[in-house]
Amino acid sequence: MSQLTTVARPYAKAAFDFALEQGQLDKWQEMLQFSALVAENEDVQHFIHSSSAATQVADTFIAICGDQLDQYGQNFIRVMAENKRLSALPSVFASFNQIRAEYESVKDVFVTSATPLTKAQEDKIAKAMKQKLNSEVRITTSIDASLIAGVIIRYDDIVIDGSSRGQLNRLSQELCL
């Protein structure tokens, strides 16, 4: 996996720089996302690895993508095919997103709650995390009823456990000492 990430980073950086220059970050993100999904398909993976003609692989891949790729996206696919790197497209997409988030100073914060959060609760968490991280944040929420109540907030290696389950676990550990 780390090898794919190493291979993908220069492609993602090149795509990001071009997209930024053209003012088309959203379009490139969409093209890379779609291309990554195509590259993850088992049949496509088999075709990529079994065929030796880069132009045939690129043409077939582009045909599968259809109108999802503009001329620059097609050229990007051709370059990756020539270098036998199409299987790295999912990693390129992930790296592109990471580069874009760093550029836009947006941090992804994951919030797991026992029940669905209201818009006001999400906004309050976003405001607090924006202050803590000194950056814009993008909140992604999920529900885990086993938390009983409260939330767990994750960003990179930071975990803030404000759930009832977490509090009970900490209390149990303290009582056992």
N, C-alpha and C. Protein backbone atom coordinates (compact mmCIF):
# COMPACT_ATOMS: atom_id res chain seq x y z
N MET A 1 0.82 -1.20 0.00
CA MET A 1 0.00 0.00 0.00
C MET A 1 0.86 1.26 0.00
N SER A 2 1.93 1.28 0.79
CA SER A 2 2.77 2.47 0.85
C SER A 2 3.47 2.69 -0.49
N GLN A 3 3.75 1.60 -1.22
CA GLN A 3 4.37 1.74 -2.54
C GLN A 3 3.39 2.43 -3.49
N LEU A 4 2.11 2.06 -3.46
CA LEU A 4 1.12 2.72 -4.30
C LEU A 4 1.00 4.19 -3.94
N THR A 5 1.06 4.50 -2.65
CA THR A 5 0.98 5.88 -2.21
C THR A 5 2.17 6.67 -2.74
N THR A 6 3.34 6.07 -2.69
CA THR A 6 4.55 6.72 -3.19
C THR A 6 4.45 6.96 -4.69
N VAL A 7 3.93 6.00 -5.41
CA VAL A 7 3.75 6.11 -6.86
C VAL A 7 2.67 7.14 -7.17
N ALA A 8 1.62 7.17 -6.39
CA ALA A 8 0.46 8.00 -6.68
C ALA A 8 0.70 9.49 -6.41
N ARG A 9 1.50 9.80 -5.43
CA ARG A 9 1.66 11.19 -5.00
C ARG A 9 2.09 12.14 -6.14
N PRO A 10 3.10 11.80 -6.95
CA PRO A 10 3.47 12.72 -8.03
C PRO A 10 2.35 12.93 -9.06
N TYR A 11 1.61 11.87 -9.36
CA TYR A 11 0.49 12.00 -10.29
C TYR A 11 -0.60 12.89 -9.69
N ALA A 12 -0.89 12.68 -8.42
CA ALA A 12 -1.91 13.49 -7.75
C ALA A 12 -1.48 14.96 -7.70
N LYS A 13 -0.22 15.19 -7.42
CA LYS A 13 0.31 16.56 -7.35
C LYS A 13 0.23 17.23 -8.71
N ALA A 14 0.60 16.50 -9.75
CA ALA A 14 0.53 17.05 -11.11
C ALA A 14 -0.92 17.37 -11.48
N ALA A 15 -1.83 16.46 -11.19
CA ALA A 15 -3.25 16.69 -11.48
C ALA A 15 -3.77 17.87 -10.69
N PHE A 16 -3.39 17.95 -9.42
CA PHE A 16 -3.85 19.06 -8.58
C PHE A 16 -3.33 20.39 -9.11
N ASP A 17 -2.05 20.45 -9.40
CA ASP A 17 -1.46 21.70 -9.90
C ASP A 17 -2.14 22.15 -11.19
N PHE A 18 -2.38 21.21 -12.10
CA PHE A 18 -3.05 21.54 -13.36
C PHE A 18 -4.49 22.00 -13.10
N ALA A 19 -5.20 21.28 -12.25
CA ALA A 19 -6.59 21.62 -11.94
C ALA A 19 -6.67 23.00 -11.29
N LEU A 20 -5.74 23.29 -10.40
CA LEU A 20 -5.72 24.58 -9.73
C LEU A 20 -5.45 25.70 -10.73
N GLU A 21 -4.49 25.46 -11.62
CA GLU A 21 -4.15 26.44 -12.65
C GLU A 21 -5.34 26.71 -13.56
N GLN A 22 -6.11 25.68 -13.87
CA GLN A 22 -7.27 25.81 -14.76
C GLN A 22 -8.54 26.23 -14.02
N GLY A 23 -8.48 26.28 -12.69
CA GLY A 23 -9.67 26.61 -11.89
C GLY A 23 -10.72 25.51 -11.95
N GLN A 24 -10.26 24.25 -12.01
CA GLN A 24 -11.19 23.13 -12.16
C GLN A 24 -10.96 22.05 -11.12
N LEU A 25 -10.77 22.43 -9.87
CA LEU A 25 -10.53 21.44 -8.82
C LEU A 25 -11.69 20.46 -8.68
N ASP A 26 -12.92 20.98 -8.70
CA ASP A 26 -14.08 20.09 -8.56
C ASP A 26 -14.18 19.11 -9.73
N LYS A 27 -13.96 19.61 -10.93
CA LYS A 27 -14.05 18.75 -12.12
C LYS A 27 -12.99 17.64 -12.06
N TRP A 28 -11.76 18.00 -11.70
CA TRP A 28 -10.70 16.99 -11.60
C TRP A 28 -10.97 16.00 -10.48
N GLN A 29 -11.52 16.48 -9.40
CA GLN A 29 -11.86 15.56 -8.30
C GLN A 29 -12.89 14.55 -8.77
N GLU A 30 -13.88 15.02 -9.52
CA GLU A 30 -14.91 14.12 -10.04
C GLU A 30 -14.31 13.12 -11.05
N MET A 31 -13.44 13.62 -11.95
CA MET A 31 -12.83 12.73 -12.95
C MET A 31 -11.97 11.66 -12.27
N LEU A 32 -11.19 12.08 -11.29
CA LEU A 32 -10.33 11.12 -10.59
C LEU A 32 -11.15 10.13 -9.78
N GLN A 33 -12.22 10.60 -9.18
CA GLN A 33 -13.08 9.70 -8.41
C GLN A 33 -13.68 8.64 -9.32
N PHE A 34 -14.20 9.05 -10.46
CA PHE A 34 -14.81 8.10 -11.39
C PHE A 34 -13.75 7.14 -11.93
N SER A 35 -12.59 7.67 -12.30
CA SER A 35 -11.50 6.83 -12.81
C SER A 35 -11.04 5.82 -11.77
N ALA A 36 -10.99 6.25 -10.51
CA ALA A 36 -10.59 5.34 -9.43
C ALA A 36 -11.59 4.21 -9.28
N LEU A 37 -12.88 4.54 -9.40
CA LEU A 37 -13.91 3.50 -9.31
C LEU A 37 -13.78 2.51 -10.45
N VAL A 38 -13.51 3.01 -11.64
CA VAL A 38 -13.32 2.13 -12.79
C VAL A 38 -12.10 1.23 -12.56
N ALA A 39 -11.01 1.83 -12.08
CA ALA A 39 -9.77 1.07 -11.86
C ALA A 39 -9.92 0.00 -10.78
N GLU A 40 -10.86 0.19 -9.86
CA GLU A 40 -11.08 -0.79 -8.79
C GLU A 40 -11.89 -2.00 -9.26
N ASN A 41 -12.56 -1.89 -10.39
CA ASN A 41 -13.36 -2.99 -10.92
C ASN A 41 -12.46 -4.18 -11.23
N GLU A 42 -12.87 -5.38 -10.81
CA GLU A 42 -12.05 -6.59 -10.98
C GLU A 42 -11.74 -6.88 -12.45
N ASP A 43 -12.72 -6.74 -13.31
CA ASP A 43 -12.50 -7.01 -14.73
C ASP A 43 -11.50 -6.02 -15.33
N VAL A 44 -11.64 -4.77 -14.94
CA VAL A 44 -10.72 -3.75 -15.44
C VAL A 44 -9.31 -4.01 -14.90
N GLN A 45 -9.20 -4.37 -13.63
CA GLN A 45 -7.89 -4.69 -13.06
C GLN A 45 -7.23 -5.83 -13.83
N HIS A 46 -8.01 -6.85 -14.11
CA HIS A 46 -7.48 -7.99 -14.85
C HIS A 46 -6.99 -7.54 -16.23
N PHE A 47 -7.79 -6.72 -16.90
CA PHE A 47 -7.41 -6.22 -18.22
C PHE A 47 -6.14 -5.38 -18.15
N ILE A 48 -6.04 -4.50 -17.16
CA ILE A 48 -4.86 -3.64 -17.00
C ILE A 48 -3.60 -4.48 -16.82
N HIS A 49 -3.69 -5.52 -16.01
CA HIS A 49 -2.51 -6.32 -15.70
C HIS A 49 -2.18 -7.36 -16.77
N SER A 50 -3.17 -7.75 -17.57
CA SER A 50 -2.91 -8.81 -18.55
C SER A 50 -2.50 -8.26 -19.91
N SER A 51 -2.84 -7.03 -20.20
CA SER A 51 -2.53 -6.47 -21.51
C SER A 51 -1.18 -5.76 -21.47
N SER A 52 -0.46 -5.85 -22.57
CA SER A 52 0.87 -5.23 -22.60
C SER A 52 0.90 -3.95 -23.44
N ALA A 53 -0.08 -3.72 -24.28
CA ALA A 53 -0.10 -2.54 -25.13
C ALA A 53 -0.73 -1.37 -24.38
N ALA A 54 0.10 -0.40 -24.03
CA ALA A 54 -0.36 0.75 -23.23
C ALA A 54 -1.45 1.54 -23.95
N THR A 55 -1.31 1.71 -25.26
CA THR A 55 -2.33 2.48 -25.98
C THR A 55 -3.67 1.76 -25.98
N GLN A 56 -3.65 0.43 -26.10
CA GLN A 56 -4.90 -0.34 -26.07
C GLN A 56 -5.54 -0.24 -24.68
N VAL A 57 -4.72 -0.35 -23.64
CA VAL A 57 -5.24 -0.23 -22.27
C VAL A 57 -5.84 1.15 -22.06
N ALA A 58 -5.12 2.19 -22.47
CA ALA A 58 -5.60 3.56 -22.29
C ALA A 58 -6.89 3.79 -23.07
N ASP A 59 -6.93 3.37 -24.33
CA ASP A 59 -8.12 3.57 -25.16
C ASP A 59 -9.33 2.86 -24.57
N THR A 60 -9.14 1.64 -24.10
CA THR A 60 -10.24 0.88 -23.50
C THR A 60 -10.71 1.55 -22.20
N PHE A 61 -9.76 1.95 -21.38
CA PHE A 61 -10.09 2.60 -20.12
C PHE A 61 -10.87 3.89 -20.37
N ILE A 62 -10.40 4.68 -21.32
CA ILE A 62 -11.07 5.94 -21.66
C ILE A 62 -12.46 5.67 -22.22
N ALA A 63 -12.61 4.63 -23.02
CA ALA A 63 -13.92 4.27 -23.56
C ALA A 63 -14.89 3.88 -22.44
N ILE A 64 -14.38 3.18 -21.44
CA ILE A 64 -15.23 2.81 -20.30
C ILE A 64 -15.68 4.06 -19.55
N CYS A 65 -14.78 5.02 -19.40
CA CYS A 65 -15.09 6.25 -18.67
C CYS A 65 -16.04 7.16 -19.46
N GLY A 66 -16.01 7.05 -20.77
CA GLY A 66 -16.93 7.83 -21.60
C GLY A 66 -16.79 9.32 -21.40
N ASP A 67 -17.93 9.99 -21.23
CA ASP A 67 -17.97 11.44 -21.11
C ASP A 67 -17.50 11.95 -19.75
N GLN A 68 -17.16 11.05 -18.86
CA GLN A 68 -16.72 11.46 -17.52
C GLN A 68 -15.35 12.15 -17.56
N LEU A 69 -14.59 11.92 -18.63
CA LEU A 69 -13.25 12.50 -18.76
C LEU A 69 -13.22 13.53 -19.87
N ASP A 70 -12.66 14.71 -19.59
CA ASP A 70 -12.44 15.67 -20.67
C ASP A 70 -11.11 15.32 -21.35
N GLN A 71 -10.67 16.13 -22.29
CA GLN A 71 -9.45 15.81 -23.04
C GLN A 71 -8.23 15.74 -22.14
N TYR A 72 -8.19 16.58 -21.10
CA TYR A 72 -7.04 16.57 -20.19
C TYR A 72 -7.06 15.33 -19.30
N GLY A 73 -8.25 14.94 -18.88
CA GLY A 73 -8.40 13.71 -18.10
C GLY A 73 -7.99 12.50 -18.92
N GLN A 74 -8.35 12.50 -20.20
CA GLN A 74 -7.95 11.42 -21.09
C GLN A 74 -6.44 11.37 -21.25
N ASN A 75 -5.81 12.54 -21.39
CA ASN A 75 -4.34 12.59 -21.50
C ASN A 75 -3.69 12.06 -20.22
N PHE A 76 -4.28 12.40 -19.09
CA PHE A 76 -3.78 11.93 -17.80
C PHE A 76 -3.82 10.40 -17.75
N ILE A 77 -4.93 9.83 -18.19
CA ILE A 77 -5.07 8.36 -18.23
C ILE A 77 -4.04 7.75 -19.19
N ARG A 78 -3.83 8.38 -20.33
CA ARG A 78 -2.84 7.87 -21.29
C ARG A 78 -1.44 7.85 -20.67
N VAL A 79 -1.07 8.91 -19.98
CA VAL A 79 0.25 8.96 -19.35
C VAL A 79 0.38 7.87 -18.29
N MET A 80 -0.66 7.70 -17.49
CA MET A 80 -0.62 6.66 -16.45
C MET A 80 -0.55 5.27 -17.08
N ALA A 81 -1.26 5.07 -18.19
CA ALA A 81 -1.23 3.77 -18.88
C ALA A 81 0.16 3.50 -19.46
N GLU A 82 0.77 4.52 -20.06
CA GLU A 82 2.11 4.35 -20.64
C GLU A 82 3.12 3.95 -19.57
N ASN A 83 2.91 4.46 -18.36
CA ASN A 83 3.82 4.15 -17.25
C ASN A 83 3.35 2.96 -16.42
N LYS A 84 2.29 2.29 -16.91
CA LYS A 84 1.74 1.11 -16.23
C LYS A 84 1.38 1.42 -14.78
N ARG A 85 0.65 2.53 -14.59
CA ARG A 85 0.28 2.99 -13.26
C ARG A 85 -1.24 3.12 -13.07
N LEU A 86 -2.04 2.63 -13.99
CA LEU A 86 -3.50 2.77 -13.86
C LEU A 86 -4.04 2.13 -12.59
N SER A 87 -3.41 1.08 -12.13
CA SER A 87 -3.90 0.43 -10.91
C SER A 87 -3.70 1.32 -9.69
N ALA A 88 -2.91 2.39 -9.81
CA ALA A 88 -2.69 3.31 -8.69
C ALA A 88 -3.73 4.42 -8.64
N LEU A 89 -4.69 4.42 -9.56
CA LEU A 89 -5.68 5.50 -9.60
C LEU A 89 -6.44 5.72 -8.29
N PRO A 90 -6.85 4.66 -7.58
CA PRO A 90 -7.51 4.93 -6.29
C PRO A 90 -6.60 5.69 -5.31
N SER A 91 -5.32 5.37 -5.31
CA SER A 91 -4.37 6.08 -4.45
C SER A 91 -4.13 7.50 -4.95
N VAL A 92 -4.16 7.69 -6.28
CA VAL A 92 -4.02 9.03 -6.85
C VAL A 92 -5.20 9.89 -6.39
N PHE A 93 -6.39 9.32 -6.45
CA PHE A 93 -7.58 10.05 -6.01
C PHE A 93 -7.48 10.42 -4.54
N ALA A 94 -7.07 9.48 -3.70
CA ALA A 94 -6.93 9.75 -2.27
C ALA A 94 -5.87 10.83 -2.02
N SER A 95 -4.75 10.76 -2.72
CA SER A 95 -3.70 11.77 -2.57
C SER A 95 -4.15 13.13 -3.07
N PHE A 96 -4.89 13.15 -4.17
CA PHE A 96 -5.44 14.40 -4.70
C PHE A 96 -6.33 15.06 -3.64
N ASN A 97 -7.20 14.26 -3.02
CA ASN A 97 -8.08 14.79 -1.98
C ASN A 97 -7.29 15.33 -0.80
N GLN A 98 -6.24 14.63 -0.43
CA GLN A 98 -5.40 15.06 0.68
C GLN A 98 -4.69 16.38 0.34
N ILE A 99 -4.14 16.47 -0.85
CA ILE A 99 -3.46 17.69 -1.28
C ILE A 99 -4.45 18.85 -1.31
N ARG A 100 -5.66 18.58 -1.81
CA ARG A 100 -6.67 19.64 -1.88
C ARG A 100 -7.07 20.09 -0.49
N ALA A 101 -7.25 19.16 0.41
CA ALA A 101 -7.63 19.52 1.79
C ALA A 101 -6.53 20.35 2.44
N GLU A 102 -5.28 19.97 2.21
CA GLU A 102 -4.16 20.76 2.76
C GLU A 102 -4.15 22.15 2.15
N TYR A 103 -4.36 22.24 0.85
CA TYR A 103 -4.37 23.53 0.15
C TYR A 103 -5.50 24.41 0.67
N GLU A 104 -6.66 23.82 0.84
CA GLU A 104 -7.82 24.58 1.30
C GLU A 104 -7.87 24.70 2.82
N SER A 105 -6.88 24.12 3.48
CA SER A 105 -6.81 24.12 4.95
C SER A 105 -8.10 23.58 5.56
N VAL A 106 -8.59 22.52 4.98
CA VAL A 106 -9.79 21.88 5.50
C VAL A 106 -9.38 20.57 6.14
N LYS A 107 -9.79 20.38 7.37
CA LYS A 107 -9.49 19.15 8.09
C LYS A 107 -10.75 18.31 8.16
N ASP A 108 -10.61 17.02 7.90
CA ASP A 108 -11.74 16.10 8.00
C ASP A 108 -11.86 15.63 9.44
N VAL A 109 -13.02 15.89 10.03
CA VAL A 109 -13.31 15.49 11.40
C VAL A 109 -14.47 14.50 11.35
N PHE A 110 -14.27 13.35 12.01
CA PHE A 110 -15.27 12.29 12.00
C PHE A 110 -15.94 12.24 13.37
N VAL A 111 -17.26 12.35 13.37
CA VAL A 111 -18.03 12.37 14.60
C VAL A 111 -18.96 11.16 14.62
N THR A 112 -18.82 10.33 15.64
CA THR A 112 -19.70 9.19 15.83
C THR A 112 -20.58 9.50 17.03
N SER A 113 -21.89 9.39 16.84
CA SER A 113 -22.82 9.70 17.92
C SER A 113 -23.78 8.54 18.13
N ALA A 114 -24.39 8.54 19.31
CA ALA A 114 -25.34 7.48 19.65
C ALA A 114 -26.65 7.66 18.88
N THR A 115 -27.00 8.91 18.63
CA THR A 115 -28.23 9.24 17.89
C THR A 115 -27.89 10.29 16.84
N PRO A 116 -28.75 10.48 15.86
CA PRO A 116 -28.47 11.50 14.84
C PRO A 116 -28.32 12.89 15.47
N LEU A 117 -27.34 13.64 14.98
CA LEU A 117 -27.09 14.98 15.50
C LEU A 117 -27.98 16.00 14.77
N THR A 118 -28.36 17.02 15.48
CA THR A 118 -29.09 18.12 14.85
C THR A 118 -28.09 19.01 14.13
N LYS A 119 -28.58 19.86 13.28
CA LYS A 119 -27.71 20.81 12.56
C LYS A 119 -26.99 21.70 13.57
N ALA A 120 -27.70 22.13 14.62
CA ALA A 120 -27.10 23.00 15.64
C ALA A 120 -25.96 22.28 16.36
N GLN A 121 -26.14 20.99 16.66
CA GLN A 121 -25.09 20.22 17.33
C GLN A 121 -23.86 20.06 16.42
N GLU A 122 -24.11 19.75 15.14
CA GLU A 122 -23.00 19.64 14.19
C GLU A 122 -22.25 20.96 14.08
N ASP A 123 -23.00 22.06 14.01
CA ASP A 123 -22.37 23.38 13.90
C ASP A 123 -21.54 23.70 15.14
N LYS A 124 -22.04 23.32 16.31
CA LYS A 124 -21.31 23.57 17.56
C LYS A 124 -20.00 22.78 17.59
N ILE A 125 -20.06 21.52 17.17
CA ILE A 125 -18.85 20.69 17.11
C ILE A 125 -17.88 21.26 16.07
N ALA A 126 -18.39 21.65 14.91
CA ALA A 126 -17.54 22.21 13.86
C ALA A 126 -16.84 23.49 14.35
N LYS A 127 -17.57 24.33 15.04
CA LYS A 127 -17.01 25.58 15.56
C LYS A 127 -15.90 25.29 16.57
N ALA A 128 -16.15 24.35 17.48
CA ALA A 128 -15.16 24.00 18.50
C ALA A 128 -13.91 23.39 17.86
N MET A 129 -14.10 22.51 16.89
CA MET A 129 -12.96 21.87 16.23
C MET A 129 -12.20 22.87 15.35
N LYS A 130 -12.92 23.80 14.76
CA LYS A 130 -12.27 24.84 13.96
C LYS A 130 -11.32 25.65 14.84
N GLN A 131 -11.78 25.97 16.04
CA GLN A 131 -10.93 26.71 16.99
C GLN A 131 -9.74 25.85 17.43
N LYS A 132 -10.01 24.60 17.78
CA LYS A 132 -8.95 23.71 18.28
C LYS A 132 -7.88 23.45 17.22
N LEU A 133 -8.31 23.24 15.97
CA LEU A 133 -7.38 22.90 14.90
C LEU A 133 -6.86 24.12 14.14
N ASN A 134 -7.45 25.28 14.44
CA ASN A 134 -7.07 26.52 13.77
C ASN A 134 -7.17 26.37 12.25
N SER A 135 -8.28 25.78 11.81
CA SER A 135 -8.47 25.49 10.39
C SER A 135 -9.95 25.26 10.13
N GLU A 136 -10.33 25.37 8.87
CA GLU A 136 -11.68 25.00 8.49
C GLU A 136 -11.83 23.48 8.68
N VAL A 137 -13.02 23.03 9.00
CA VAL A 137 -13.24 21.61 9.19
C VAL A 137 -14.41 21.14 8.35
N ARG A 138 -14.36 19.86 8.00
CA ARG A 138 -15.45 19.20 7.29
C ARG A 138 -15.89 18.06 8.19
N ILE A 139 -17.13 18.11 8.64
CA ILE A 139 -17.66 17.13 9.58
C ILE A 139 -18.31 15.97 8.81
N THR A 140 -17.93 14.75 9.17
CA THR A 140 -18.59 13.56 8.65
C THR A 140 -19.14 12.82 9.86
N THR A 141 -20.43 12.54 9.83
CA THR A 141 -21.06 11.92 10.99
C THR A 141 -21.47 10.48 10.70
N SER A 142 -21.49 9.69 11.78
CA SER A 142 -22.01 8.33 11.71
C SER A 142 -22.68 8.04 13.04
N ILE A 143 -23.47 6.99 13.06
CA ILE A 143 -24.23 6.64 14.26
C ILE A 143 -23.80 5.27 14.75
N ASP A 144 -23.60 5.18 16.07
CA ASP A 144 -23.26 3.92 16.73
C ASP A 144 -24.07 3.87 18.02
N ALA A 145 -25.17 3.15 18.00
CA ALA A 145 -26.07 3.10 19.15
C ALA A 145 -25.40 2.53 20.40
N SER A 146 -24.32 1.77 20.24
CA SER A 146 -23.65 1.19 21.40
C SER A 146 -22.94 2.24 22.26
N LEU A 147 -22.86 3.47 21.77
CA LEU A 147 -22.24 4.54 22.57
C LEU A 147 -23.13 4.96 23.74
N ILE A 148 -24.38 4.59 23.71
CA ILE A 148 -25.41 4.90 24.69
C ILE A 148 -25.84 6.37 24.56
N ALA A 149 -24.91 7.29 24.71
CA ALA A 149 -25.17 8.73 24.54
C ALA A 149 -23.84 9.41 24.29
N GLY A 150 -23.89 10.66 23.82
CA GLY A 150 -22.67 11.42 23.60
C GLY A 150 -22.06 11.17 22.24
N VAL A 151 -20.81 11.64 22.07
CA VAL A 151 -20.14 11.54 20.79
C VAL A 151 -18.66 11.17 20.97
N ILE A 152 -18.10 10.62 19.89
CA ILE A 152 -16.66 10.42 19.80
C ILE A 152 -16.22 11.22 18.58
N ILE A 153 -15.23 12.09 18.78
CA ILE A 153 -14.72 12.95 17.71
C ILE A 153 -13.31 12.48 17.37
N ARG A 154 -13.07 12.27 16.06
CA ARG A 154 -11.75 11.81 15.60
C ARG A 154 -11.21 12.75 14.53
N TYR A 155 -9.95 13.09 14.68
CA TYR A 155 -9.23 13.81 13.65
C TYR A 155 -7.80 13.28 13.68
N ASP A 156 -7.34 12.75 12.55
CA ASP A 156 -6.02 12.11 12.48
C ASP A 156 -5.85 11.16 13.65
N ASP A 157 -4.88 11.43 14.53
CA ASP A 157 -4.65 10.54 15.67
C ASP A 157 -5.24 11.09 16.97
N ILE A 158 -6.04 12.15 16.86
CA ILE A 158 -6.71 12.74 18.02
C ILE A 158 -8.08 12.09 18.17
N VAL A 159 -8.37 11.61 19.39
CA VAL A 159 -9.69 11.04 19.68
C VAL A 159 -10.22 11.71 20.94
N ILE A 160 -11.39 12.28 20.83
CA ILE A 160 -12.06 12.88 21.97
C ILE A 160 -13.30 12.03 22.23
N ASP A 161 -13.26 11.27 23.31
CA ASP A 161 -14.36 10.35 23.62
C ASP A 161 -15.26 10.97 24.69
N GLY A 162 -16.38 11.50 24.24
CA GLY A 162 -17.36 12.08 25.15
C GLY A 162 -18.61 11.22 25.23
N SER A 163 -18.45 9.93 24.96
CA SER A 163 -19.60 9.04 24.97
C SER A 163 -19.83 8.47 26.36
N SER A 164 -21.04 8.07 26.62
CA SER A 164 -21.35 7.42 27.90
C SER A 164 -20.60 6.11 28.04
N ARG A 165 -20.49 5.38 26.95
CA ARG A 165 -19.75 4.12 26.98
C ARG A 165 -18.29 4.37 27.38
N GLY A 166 -17.68 5.41 26.82
CA GLY A 166 -16.31 5.75 27.15
C GLY A 166 -16.16 6.16 28.61
N GLN A 167 -17.13 6.91 29.11
CA GLN A 167 -17.09 7.33 30.51
C GLN A 167 -17.24 6.13 31.43
N LEU A 168 -18.12 5.20 31.06
CA LEU A 168 -18.29 3.99 31.87
C LEU A 168 -17.02 3.14 31.86
N ASN A 169 -16.38 3.04 30.70
CA ASN A 169 -15.13 2.29 30.62
C ASN A 169 -14.04 2.91 31.48
N ARG A 170 -13.93 4.23 31.45
CA ARG A 170 -12.93 4.91 32.28
C ARG A 170 -13.23 4.73 33.75
N LEU A 171 -14.49 4.81 34.14
CA LEU A 171 -14.89 4.62 35.53
C LEU A 171 -14.58 3.19 35.96
N SER A 172 -14.85 2.23 35.12
CA SER A 172 -14.56 0.82 35.42
C SER A 172 -13.07 0.62 35.64
N GLN A 173 -12.25 1.23 34.80
CA GLN A 173 -10.79 1.11 34.94
C GLN A 173 -10.30 1.73 36.25
N GLU A 174 -10.88 2.87 36.63
CA GLU A 174 -10.50 3.54 37.86
C GLU A 174 -10.89 2.69 39.07
N LEU A 175 -12.04 2.05 39.02
CA LEU A 175 -12.52 1.25 40.14
C LEU A 175 -11.69 -0.02 40.30
N CYS A 176 -11.16 -0.53 39.19
CA CYS A 176 -10.36 -1.77 39.25
C CYS A 176 -8.95 -1.52 39.71
N LEU A 177 -8.51 -0.28 39.76
CA LEU A 177 -7.13 0.00 40.20
C LEU A 177 -6.98 -0.01 41.65
